[in-house]
Amino acid sequence: MSKAKISYACNGCGSQFSKWAGQCSECGAWNSIHEIKAEALGNPRQRGNYAGQASPVTILDDVAFSSVARTETGLSELDRVLGGGLVAGSVVLIGGDPGIGKSTILLQTLTYLAQTQPALYITGEESLSQVAMRGKRLELPCDKLHIMAETCVENIIATLRTEKPAVAVIDSIQTLYTEALQSAPGGVSQVRESAALLTRYAKQSGTALFLVGHVTKEGSLAGPRVLEHMVDCVLYFEGESDSRFRMIRAVKNRFGAVNELGVFAMTDRGLREVANPSAIFLSRYDEPIPGSIVMVSREGTRPLLVEVQALVDDAYGNPRRVAIGLDQNRLAMLLAILHRHGGIHTIGQDVFVNVVGGVKVLETGSDLAVLLAVTSSLRGQALPTDLAVFGEVGLSGEIRPVPNGQERLREAAKHGFKRAIVPKGNVPRQEIEGLEVVGVGRLHEALAAV
C-alpha cells in the first residue's frame, strides 16, 4: 500500500487543490478549503463497475432488455411521482426542510413494503427508540420492518450484503462517513464518496435505496452538485410549515416524467394522499372578489386547477413586486407587457401575486392568469367565479398556446367551470359539453373578453 495522500477540498463546491489557500478559485468562497487525507485505494482495476465485472463493447441493437418492473409503495401519490412505482436497483434522493415529513413518509412506505419483502431502515440522525416511537404514534405495522442505527458506510454495506433487503432507507446521507477519508461527516468529499459507494452497491445487488438529503437555506439540496447526478430520481418536498398540505415534486427521474407533483395531507396518522388536488387549491367565496382568478396549470402528467390572487395598492416609497409561488422576475416582465400592450400601468403601485395553497407554478401558462388578476385588483372589478384561464404572454403582447390544452379544458369542465379564456391555438375543434371556450390572440383581446 502506498502512503496516504493529502489534498485539499472546498466545502462549498467540492473542488480539490494540491495546496491550501484562503479563497477557493472556483466558487470564490473564503475559508472554505480544508485538508482531506485519502487512504490508498489499491489497484483501480479491482474496484469494478456497477455490474461488478468488466464491460465489453457491444452493439446497441444486440442489448437485451425487459420492461421495468415496479413495486407499489402503498401511497398512490408517491407512486405517481416515482413514475408508477419503485424500480429495483434505483436510488432515490429526497430532500426538504426540517420537519416537513421526509422521515414520516419513508417510514410509512417501508412498513408497507416490509409486509411482502425484506426492508431495512438505517438511521444516522435518530436513535432506534425515536423511530419506534414515531411508528407507534402513527399506528404503523412495524412487526416485520428491520432497523439499525449506523453512520459508517462500510458497516452499512456489509449489513446490506448480509440482510439482502429489497428496499432500504438511509436517513440521512449527510450523517454518513467512509473510513477511506479523514474529513468530518457532512463534508463535500464524505457525501460524494458515501453516495458513490451506496449507488454502486444498489446497481450491483438490485436493492432500491432511498437517500434522505438536507437542504440549504435557499431550498436546494446540500452537498456537492454531483450528488444529484449520481442518483436516478430526485424528489423535493414543498409546502408551507403552517399548512397541512405537502407536495412532492420530481425534478429528475430516469424512470418517469419530471416535474410530476404528488399532493399529501399531514394528519395525526402521517401523510395521506389527496385524491383530488384541484379541490384543495380552489377557494369558494359567497360572492366574487376582485383580484382572484382560477388558472388551469399542468404538473407533470396531470392538469391542476389553482387559484391566483393579486393585490395592487398605492406604494409608499419604491413600488414593490412580490410573487409567491411564481417567478418574481417574470412578474416584472408581465407588468411591463401589461403597460405597453394593454394600456394599464402599475407605476407607483405595489403589486403582490400569490398562488393559493403553497403550490409553486413553474410553467409559463400562468402568464394570462397573472395579468387578468392584476387588472381585476387594480380596477376593483371582480371576475366571474365560473371562469378559468391559461396561456403564455409574449413580449409583443401575443397570447401563445401551451401544451395539452384540451386536457386542461376537460379538467375545468369537470369542476363545474362554464367559461374559459385560452389562446387561439388551444381552442378545441369539438365543443366541450358545458364549457364556453373563448380564444384570444392578443392581450387586449383577453382584457376585452373579461
Protein backbone atom coordinates (compact mmCIF):
# COMPACT_ATOMS: atom_id res chain seq x y z
CA MET A 1 0.00 0.00 0.00
CA SER A 2 1.26 3.46 -0.81
CA LYS A 3 1.18 6.13 1.85
CA ALA A 4 -1.85 8.28 2.42
CA LYS A 5 -2.23 11.19 0.05
CA ILE A 6 -3.08 14.62 1.45
CA SER A 7 -5.09 17.07 -0.63
CA TYR A 8 -7.42 20.00 -0.03
CA ALA A 9 -11.08 20.42 -0.94
CA CYS A 10 -13.62 23.25 -0.83
CA ASN A 11 -16.69 22.78 1.37
CA GLY A 12 -18.80 24.89 -0.96
CA CYS A 13 -18.22 23.45 -4.43
CA GLY A 14 -16.14 20.33 -3.81
CA SER A 15 -13.16 21.44 -5.93
CA GLN A 16 -9.87 19.82 -4.96
CA PHE A 17 -6.46 21.50 -4.78
CA SER A 18 -2.89 20.37 -4.16
CA LYS A 19 -2.25 23.08 -1.54
CA TRP A 20 -4.23 25.19 0.87
CA ALA A 21 -5.48 28.68 0.01
CA GLY A 22 -7.63 31.21 1.80
CA GLN A 23 -10.11 31.58 -1.05
CA CYS A 24 -11.49 28.97 -3.44
CA SER A 25 -10.57 29.88 -7.01
CA GLU A 26 -13.64 28.08 -8.38
CA CYS A 27 -16.56 29.44 -6.32
CA GLY A 28 -14.86 32.39 -4.58
CA ALA A 29 -15.74 31.27 -1.03
CA TRP A 30 -13.39 32.34 1.78
CA ASN A 31 -12.01 29.97 4.43
CA SER A 32 -13.83 27.00 2.86
CA ILE A 33 -10.79 24.91 1.90
CA HIS A 34 -9.90 22.13 4.32
CA GLU A 35 -7.43 19.27 4.38
CA ILE A 36 -8.53 15.77 3.44
CA LYS A 37 -6.49 12.60 3.71
CA ALA A 38 -7.44 9.74 1.43
CA GLU A 39 -6.06 6.27 2.02
CA ALA A 40 -4.69 4.49 -0.99
CA LEU A 41 -7.45 2.54 -2.70
CA GLY A 42 -5.20 -0.07 -4.25
CA ASN A 43 -5.33 -1.17 -7.87
CA PRO A 44 -8.12 0.69 -9.73
CA ARG A 45 -8.88 -2.47 -11.72
CA GLN A 46 -10.02 -4.18 -8.54
CA ARG A 47 -12.74 -1.63 -7.80
CA GLY A 48 -15.12 -2.84 -10.51
CA ASN A 49 -18.06 -1.01 -12.00
CA TYR A 50 -21.80 -1.05 -11.34
CA ALA A 51 -22.09 -4.51 -12.91
CA GLY A 52 -19.24 -5.85 -10.79
CA GLN A 53 -17.33 -7.12 -13.83
CA ALA A 54 -15.55 -5.93 -16.96
CA SER A 55 -17.91 -4.41 -19.52
CA PRO A 56 -17.28 -5.38 -23.17
CA VAL A 57 -18.19 -3.23 -26.18
CA THR A 58 -21.40 -4.33 -27.91
CA ILE A 59 -23.95 -3.17 -30.49
CA LEU A 60 -26.93 -1.27 -29.11
CA ASP A 61 -29.44 -3.37 -31.07
CA ASP A 62 -27.95 -6.53 -29.53
CA VAL A 63 -28.61 -5.37 -25.96
CA ALA A 64 -31.37 -7.41 -24.34
CA PHE A 65 -33.81 -5.50 -22.19
CA SER A 66 -37.11 -6.09 -20.47
CA SER A 67 -39.89 -3.86 -19.22
CA VAL A 68 -39.11 -2.20 -15.90
CA ALA A 69 -40.92 -3.96 -13.07
CA ARG A 70 -42.30 -1.54 -10.49
CA THR A 71 -43.33 -2.09 -6.89
CA GLU A 72 -46.19 -0.14 -5.34
CA THR A 73 -45.19 1.86 -2.26
CA GLY A 74 -48.61 1.95 -0.63
CA LEU A 75 -49.07 5.67 -1.42
CA SER A 76 -50.58 6.33 -4.85
CA GLU A 77 -49.29 9.91 -5.00
CA LEU A 78 -45.72 8.75 -4.27
CA ASP A 79 -46.07 6.10 -6.98
CA ARG A 80 -47.14 8.85 -9.40
CA VAL A 81 -44.07 10.95 -8.61
CA LEU A 82 -41.76 7.95 -8.97
CA GLY A 83 -43.22 7.23 -12.41
CA GLY A 84 -45.56 4.38 -11.49
CA GLY A 85 -43.79 2.74 -8.58
CA LEU A 86 -40.38 1.84 -7.17
CA VAL A 87 -37.84 0.29 -9.55
CA ALA A 88 -35.44 -2.40 -8.30
CA GLY A 89 -31.86 -1.14 -8.07
CA SER A 90 -32.87 2.52 -8.26
CA VAL A 91 -31.51 5.23 -5.97
CA VAL A 92 -33.98 7.94 -4.91
CA LEU A 93 -32.77 11.14 -3.24
CA ILE A 94 -35.46 13.00 -1.29
CA GLY A 95 -34.88 16.44 0.24
CA GLY A 96 -36.90 19.06 2.07
CA ASP A 97 -36.99 21.45 5.01
CA PRO A 98 -36.62 20.03 8.54
CA GLY A 99 -39.87 18.65 9.91
CA ILE A 100 -41.72 18.65 6.60
CA GLY A 101 -42.28 14.87 6.63
CA LYS A 102 -39.35 13.13 4.90
CA SER A 103 -38.77 10.52 7.61
CA THR A 104 -42.51 10.09 8.15
CA ILE A 105 -43.36 9.20 4.56
CA LEU A 106 -40.35 6.86 4.24
CA LEU A 107 -41.28 5.03 7.45
CA GLN A 108 -44.84 4.66 6.15
CA THR A 109 -43.53 3.32 2.85
CA LEU A 110 -41.12 0.82 4.40
CA THR A 111 -43.64 -0.59 6.87
CA TYR A 112 -45.97 -1.24 3.92
CA LEU A 113 -43.27 -2.85 1.76
CA ALA A 114 -41.93 -4.91 4.68
CA GLN A 115 -45.17 -6.92 4.74
CA THR A 116 -44.30 -8.58 1.41
CA GLN A 117 -40.49 -8.26 1.06
CA PRO A 118 -37.42 -7.67 3.23
CA ALA A 119 -36.87 -3.98 4.09
CA LEU A 120 -34.27 -2.19 6.19
CA TYR A 121 -34.41 1.30 7.76
CA ILE A 122 -30.97 2.74 8.58
CA THR A 123 -31.00 5.87 10.72
CA GLY A 124 -27.98 8.06 11.35
CA GLU A 125 -29.74 11.02 12.96
CA GLU A 126 -32.21 9.43 15.38
CA SER A 127 -31.98 6.66 17.92
CA LEU A 128 -33.86 3.41 17.48
CA SER A 129 -36.29 4.37 20.26
CA GLN A 130 -37.17 7.63 18.47
CA VAL A 131 -38.01 5.78 15.26
CA ALA A 132 -40.02 3.19 17.21
CA MET A 133 -41.89 6.00 18.96
CA ARG A 134 -42.83 7.56 15.64
CA GLY A 135 -44.03 4.24 14.28
CA LYS A 136 -46.21 3.68 17.34
CA ARG A 137 -47.62 7.23 17.17
CA LEU A 138 -48.58 6.72 13.51
CA GLU A 139 -50.00 3.27 14.32
CA LEU A 140 -47.90 1.59 11.62
CA PRO A 141 -47.38 -2.20 11.36
CA CYS A 142 -43.72 -2.36 12.42
CA ASP A 143 -43.58 -6.09 13.22
CA LYS A 144 -41.65 -7.03 10.05
CA LEU A 145 -39.50 -3.93 9.47
CA HIS A 146 -35.79 -4.28 10.27
CA ILE A 147 -33.96 -1.22 11.59
CA MET A 148 -30.42 -0.28 12.59
CA ALA A 149 -28.52 2.84 13.68
CA GLU A 150 -25.21 3.26 11.84
CA THR A 151 -23.20 6.04 10.15
CA CYS A 152 -20.19 4.16 8.72
CA VAL A 153 -20.75 3.35 5.04
CA GLU A 154 -18.56 0.25 5.13
CA ASN A 155 -20.58 -1.20 8.01
CA ILE A 156 -23.85 -0.30 6.27
CA ILE A 157 -22.85 -2.04 3.04
CA ALA A 158 -21.68 -5.11 4.98
CA THR A 159 -25.07 -5.26 6.70
CA LEU A 160 -26.89 -4.84 3.39
CA ARG A 161 -24.92 -7.74 1.92
CA THR A 162 -25.89 -9.90 4.89
CA GLU A 163 -29.56 -8.94 5.18
CA LYS A 164 -30.14 -8.60 1.41
CA PRO A 165 -33.16 -6.25 1.67
CA ALA A 166 -35.22 -5.40 -1.39
CA VAL A 167 -35.66 -1.81 -0.19
CA ALA A 168 -33.53 0.25 2.21
CA VAL A 169 -33.69 3.79 3.58
CA ILE A 170 -30.61 5.84 4.54
CA ASP A 171 -31.56 8.73 6.85
CA SER A 172 -29.58 10.80 6.09
CA ILE A 173 -26.70 10.90 3.60
CA GLN A 174 -25.12 13.91 5.40
CA THR A 175 -24.51 11.86 8.56
CA LEU A 176 -22.56 9.08 6.81
CA TYR A 177 -18.80 8.78 6.54
CA THR A 178 -16.36 6.43 4.86
CA GLU A 179 -13.20 5.25 6.55
CA ALA A 180 -11.25 5.92 3.36
CA LEU A 181 -11.45 9.68 4.06
CA GLN A 182 -10.37 11.57 7.15
CA SER A 183 -12.68 14.58 6.79
CA ALA A 184 -15.69 15.10 9.04
CA PRO A 185 -19.14 13.68 8.13
CA GLY A 186 -21.28 16.08 6.10
CA GLY A 187 -18.36 17.46 4.11
CA VAL A 188 -18.34 17.53 0.33
CA SER A 189 -15.89 14.63 -0.01
CA GLN A 190 -17.66 12.42 2.52
CA VAL A 191 -21.10 12.98 0.98
CA ARG A 192 -19.81 12.33 -2.54
CA GLU A 193 -17.88 9.16 -1.69
CA SER A 194 -20.60 7.77 0.58
CA ALA A 195 -23.25 8.26 -2.12
CA ALA A 196 -20.97 6.69 -4.75
CA LEU A 197 -20.41 3.56 -2.64
CA LEU A 198 -24.12 3.15 -1.89
CA THR A 199 -25.11 3.75 -5.52
CA ARG A 200 -22.59 1.16 -6.71
CA TYR A 201 -23.98 -1.38 -4.26
CA ALA A 202 -27.58 -0.69 -5.34
CA LYS A 203 -26.75 -1.26 -9.01
CA GLN A 204 -24.85 -4.46 -8.29
CA SER A 205 -27.40 -6.00 -5.90
CA GLY A 206 -30.72 -4.69 -7.23
CA THR A 207 -31.65 -3.16 -3.87
CA ALA A 208 -33.77 0.00 -4.14
CA LEU A 209 -32.36 2.78 -1.96
CA PHE A 210 -33.97 5.92 -0.53
CA LEU A 211 -31.44 8.59 0.49
CA VAL A 212 -32.59 11.49 2.67
CA GLY A 213 -30.75 14.75 1.95
CA HIS A 214 -30.54 18.01 3.87
CA VAL A 215 -31.37 21.30 2.16
CA THR A 216 -29.72 24.71 2.40
CA LYS A 217 -31.49 27.91 3.43
CA GLU A 218 -32.11 28.61 -0.27
CA GLY A 219 -34.04 25.33 -0.52
CA SER A 220 -31.57 23.37 -2.69
CA LEU A 221 -30.01 20.07 -1.67
CA ALA A 222 -26.92 20.47 0.49
CA GLY A 223 -23.65 18.91 -0.58
CA PRO A 224 -21.95 18.60 -3.96
CA ARG A 225 -23.99 19.02 -7.11
CA VAL A 226 -22.64 15.69 -8.34
CA LEU A 227 -24.85 14.02 -5.71
CA GLU A 228 -27.95 14.72 -7.82
CA HIS A 229 -26.21 13.36 -10.94
CA MET A 230 -25.39 10.04 -9.26
CA VAL A 231 -28.93 9.08 -8.27
CA ASP A 232 -31.80 8.01 -10.52
CA CYS A 233 -34.53 10.17 -9.03
CA VAL A 234 -34.51 13.47 -7.10
CA LEU A 235 -37.61 14.43 -5.11
CA TYR A 236 -38.25 17.73 -3.33
CA PHE A 237 -40.75 18.30 -0.54
CA GLU A 238 -42.68 21.55 -0.93
CA GLY A 239 -45.25 23.28 1.25
CA GLU A 240 -45.61 25.92 3.93
CA SER A 241 -44.80 24.99 7.53
CA ASP A 242 -48.20 26.26 8.74
CA SER A 243 -50.15 24.35 6.07
CA ARG A 244 -51.33 20.79 6.43
CA PHE A 245 -50.71 20.06 2.76
CA ARG A 246 -47.38 18.79 1.42
CA MET A 247 -46.26 18.47 -2.19
CA ILE A 248 -43.52 16.19 -3.54
CA ARG A 249 -42.09 17.22 -6.90
CA ALA A 250 -39.80 15.11 -9.07
CA VAL A 251 -37.06 17.29 -10.58
CA LYS A 252 -35.15 14.33 -12.01
CA ASN A 253 -36.45 10.87 -12.86
CA ARG A 254 -34.79 8.31 -15.11
CA PHE A 255 -37.89 6.11 -14.97
CA GLY A 256 -40.71 8.63 -15.38
CA ALA A 257 -41.79 12.19 -16.07
CA VAL A 258 -40.06 15.13 -14.41
CA ASN A 259 -41.95 17.90 -12.61
CA GLU A 260 -44.58 15.35 -11.59
CA LEU A 261 -46.38 16.50 -8.45
CA GLY A 262 -47.78 14.41 -5.62
CA VAL A 263 -50.08 16.03 -3.05
CA PHE A 264 -50.38 14.83 0.55
CA ALA A 265 -52.21 15.96 3.67
CA MET A 266 -50.42 15.80 7.03
CA THR A 267 -52.60 14.15 9.66
CA ASP A 268 -52.06 12.71 13.13
CA ARG A 269 -51.62 9.33 11.42
CA GLY A 270 -48.95 10.52 8.99
CA LEU A 271 -49.17 11.63 5.39
CA ARG A 272 -52.27 10.75 3.40
CA GLU A 273 -52.57 11.16 -0.36
CA VAL A 274 -55.07 13.69 -1.74
CA ALA A 275 -57.20 12.08 -4.44
CA ASN A 276 -58.46 15.35 -5.98
CA PRO A 277 -55.73 18.02 -5.60
CA SER A 278 -57.61 20.64 -7.63
CA ALA A 279 -60.33 20.85 -4.97
CA ILE A 280 -57.94 21.88 -2.17
CA PHE A 281 -56.39 24.74 -4.15
CA LEU A 282 -59.72 26.36 -5.03
CA SER A 283 -61.38 28.77 -2.61
CA ARG A 284 -65.16 29.04 -2.62
CA TYR A 285 -66.49 32.54 -1.98
CA ASP A 286 -70.05 33.66 -1.27
CA GLU A 287 -69.60 36.42 -3.86
CA PRO A 288 -66.97 37.27 -6.48
CA ILE A 289 -63.99 39.27 -5.19
CA PRO A 290 -61.53 41.41 -7.18
CA GLY A 291 -58.04 40.08 -7.87
CA SER A 292 -58.91 36.37 -7.85
CA ILE A 293 -58.91 34.03 -10.85
CA VAL A 294 -58.60 30.30 -11.45
CA MET A 295 -55.80 29.02 -13.67
CA VAL A 296 -55.50 25.57 -15.22
CA SER A 297 -51.89 24.50 -14.71
CA ARG A 298 -50.24 21.23 -15.63
CA GLU A 299 -47.91 19.44 -13.24
CA GLY A 300 -46.17 16.51 -14.91
CA THR A 301 -48.90 14.37 -16.48
CA ARG A 302 -51.85 15.85 -14.58
CA PRO A 303 -53.82 19.11 -15.09
CA LEU A 304 -54.30 21.06 -11.88
CA LEU A 305 -56.68 23.91 -11.04
CA VAL A 306 -55.13 26.57 -8.80
CA GLU A 307 -56.29 29.99 -7.68
CA VAL A 308 -54.12 33.02 -8.44
CA GLN A 309 -54.66 36.09 -6.26
CA ALA A 310 -53.34 39.60 -6.88
CA LEU A 311 -53.35 42.74 -4.75
CA VAL A 312 -52.50 46.15 -6.21
CA ASP A 313 -52.21 49.07 -3.80
CA ASP A 314 -50.63 52.53 -3.60
CA ALA A 315 -46.91 52.37 -2.88
CA TYR A 316 -45.23 54.36 -0.13
CA GLY A 317 -41.72 54.75 -1.48
CA ASN A 318 -40.34 52.42 -4.11
CA PRO A 319 -43.03 50.16 -5.65
CA ARG A 320 -42.68 46.50 -4.68
CA ARG A 321 -43.17 43.45 -6.90
CA VAL A 322 -43.71 40.32 -4.80
CA ALA A 323 -44.56 36.90 -6.24
CA ILE A 324 -45.21 33.85 -4.05
CA GLY A 325 -45.36 30.57 -5.94
CA LEU A 326 -44.31 32.27 -9.20
CA ASP A 327 -41.12 33.65 -10.73
CA GLN A 328 -40.64 37.20 -9.43
CA ASN A 329 -38.59 38.31 -12.43
CA ARG A 330 -41.32 37.11 -14.76
CA LEU A 331 -43.87 39.17 -12.81
CA ALA A 332 -41.90 42.36 -13.51
CA MET A 333 -41.77 41.46 -17.20
CA LEU A 334 -45.53 40.78 -17.34
CA LEU A 335 -46.32 44.15 -15.75
CA ALA A 336 -44.26 45.85 -18.46
CA ILE A 337 -46.21 43.94 -21.13
CA LEU A 338 -49.49 44.95 -19.47
CA HIS A 339 -48.46 48.60 -19.67
CA ARG A 340 -47.14 48.51 -23.21
CA HIS A 341 -49.76 46.34 -24.92
CA GLY A 342 -52.73 46.58 -22.57
CA GLY A 343 -52.63 50.27 -21.73
CA ILE A 344 -52.75 49.54 -17.99
CA HIS A 345 -49.83 50.78 -15.90
CA THR A 346 -48.89 49.98 -12.31
CA ILE A 347 -46.41 52.81 -11.84
CA GLY A 348 -46.45 53.90 -8.20
CA GLN A 349 -48.34 50.73 -7.20
CA ASP A 350 -47.29 47.79 -5.07
CA VAL A 351 -48.14 44.50 -6.79
CA PHE A 352 -48.44 41.27 -4.79
CA VAL A 353 -49.26 37.96 -6.50
CA ASN A 354 -49.86 34.69 -4.67
CA VAL A 355 -50.69 31.12 -5.70
CA VAL A 356 -53.13 29.75 -3.12
CA GLY A 357 -52.19 26.60 -1.23
CA GLY A 358 -48.41 26.95 -1.30
CA VAL A 359 -48.00 25.24 -4.68
CA LYS A 360 -45.24 26.51 -6.97
CA VAL A 361 -46.21 27.06 -10.61
CA LEU A 362 -43.16 26.59 -12.83
CA GLU A 363 -44.74 26.84 -16.28
CA THR A 364 -45.41 29.91 -18.44
CA GLY A 365 -49.09 29.05 -18.85
CA SER A 366 -49.80 31.19 -15.77
CA ASP A 367 -48.97 34.47 -17.57
CA LEU A 368 -52.51 35.30 -18.68
CA ALA A 369 -53.98 34.49 -15.26
CA VAL A 370 -51.50 36.79 -13.51
CA LEU A 371 -52.26 39.74 -15.82
CA LEU A 372 -56.03 39.34 -15.51
CA ALA A 373 -55.82 39.04 -11.71
CA VAL A 374 -53.64 42.19 -11.51
CA THR A 375 -56.07 44.10 -13.75
CA SER A 376 -59.04 42.93 -11.69
CA SER A 377 -57.45 44.11 -8.44
CA LEU A 378 -56.31 47.43 -9.92
CA ARG A 379 -59.77 48.31 -11.21
CA GLY A 380 -61.66 46.79 -8.28
CA GLN A 381 -63.81 44.68 -10.61
CA ALA A 382 -64.38 41.03 -9.70
CA LEU A 383 -64.08 38.31 -12.33
CA PRO A 384 -66.76 35.59 -12.69
CA THR A 385 -66.30 32.63 -10.36
CA ASP A 386 -67.01 30.17 -13.20
CA LEU A 387 -64.13 31.49 -15.36
CA ALA A 388 -60.85 29.61 -15.92
CA VAL A 389 -57.89 30.85 -17.95
CA PHE A 390 -54.44 29.79 -19.12
CA GLY A 391 -51.95 30.96 -21.73
CA GLU A 392 -48.43 32.29 -22.23
CA VAL A 393 -47.98 36.01 -22.96
CA GLY A 394 -45.13 37.11 -25.26
CA LEU A 395 -43.19 40.34 -25.18
CA SER A 396 -45.12 41.68 -28.16
CA GLY A 397 -48.47 41.08 -26.44
CA GLU A 398 -49.38 37.88 -28.26
CA ILE A 399 -51.10 35.01 -26.41
CA ARG A 400 -49.22 31.80 -27.19
CA PRO A 401 -50.66 28.29 -26.86
CA VAL A 402 -49.45 25.91 -24.16
CA PRO A 403 -49.16 22.09 -24.27
CA ASN A 404 -52.10 19.79 -23.51
CA GLY A 405 -54.76 22.47 -23.80
CA GLN A 406 -57.64 20.04 -24.33
CA GLU A 407 -56.84 18.10 -21.14
CA ARG A 408 -56.80 21.38 -19.19
CA LEU A 409 -60.21 22.34 -20.55
CA ARG A 410 -61.68 18.95 -19.63
CA GLU A 411 -60.36 19.37 -16.09
CA ALA A 412 -62.02 22.79 -15.85
CA ALA A 413 -65.33 21.45 -17.16
CA LYS A 414 -65.18 18.54 -14.69
CA HIS A 415 -65.04 21.00 -11.78
CA GLY A 416 -68.04 22.98 -12.98
CA PHE A 417 -66.47 25.93 -14.81
CA LYS A 418 -68.67 27.37 -17.54
CA ARG A 419 -66.28 29.68 -19.42
CA ALA A 420 -62.60 29.59 -20.36
CA ILE A 421 -60.32 32.15 -21.97
CA VAL A 422 -57.45 30.41 -23.75
CA PRO A 423 -55.02 31.04 -26.63
CA LYS A 424 -56.50 30.57 -30.09
CA GLY A 425 -54.12 27.68 -30.68
CA ASN A 426 -55.69 25.80 -27.75
CA VAL A 427 -59.33 26.12 -28.85
CA PRO A 428 -60.62 22.54 -29.35
CA ARG A 429 -62.11 21.52 -32.67
CA GLN A 430 -65.03 19.83 -30.94
CA GLU A 431 -67.02 21.65 -28.29
CA ILE A 432 -66.68 20.54 -24.68
CA GLU A 433 -70.08 20.00 -23.09
CA GLY A 434 -70.98 22.72 -20.61
CA LEU A 435 -67.90 24.86 -21.31
CA GLU A 436 -67.76 28.00 -23.46
CA VAL A 437 -64.21 28.43 -24.81
CA VAL A 438 -63.08 31.90 -25.91
CA GLY A 439 -59.90 32.00 -27.99
CA VAL A 440 -57.75 35.14 -27.88
CA GLY A 441 -54.64 36.05 -29.86
CA ARG A 442 -53.58 39.34 -28.27
CA LEU A 443 -53.53 40.74 -24.77
CA HIS A 444 -56.07 43.48 -25.50
CA GLU A 445 -58.50 40.78 -26.75
CA ALA A 446 -58.19 38.92 -23.44
CA LEU A 447 -58.82 42.13 -21.48
CA ALA A 448 -61.87 42.86 -23.59
CA ALA A 449 -63.20 39.30 -23.15
CA VAL A 450 -63.47 39.75 -19.36
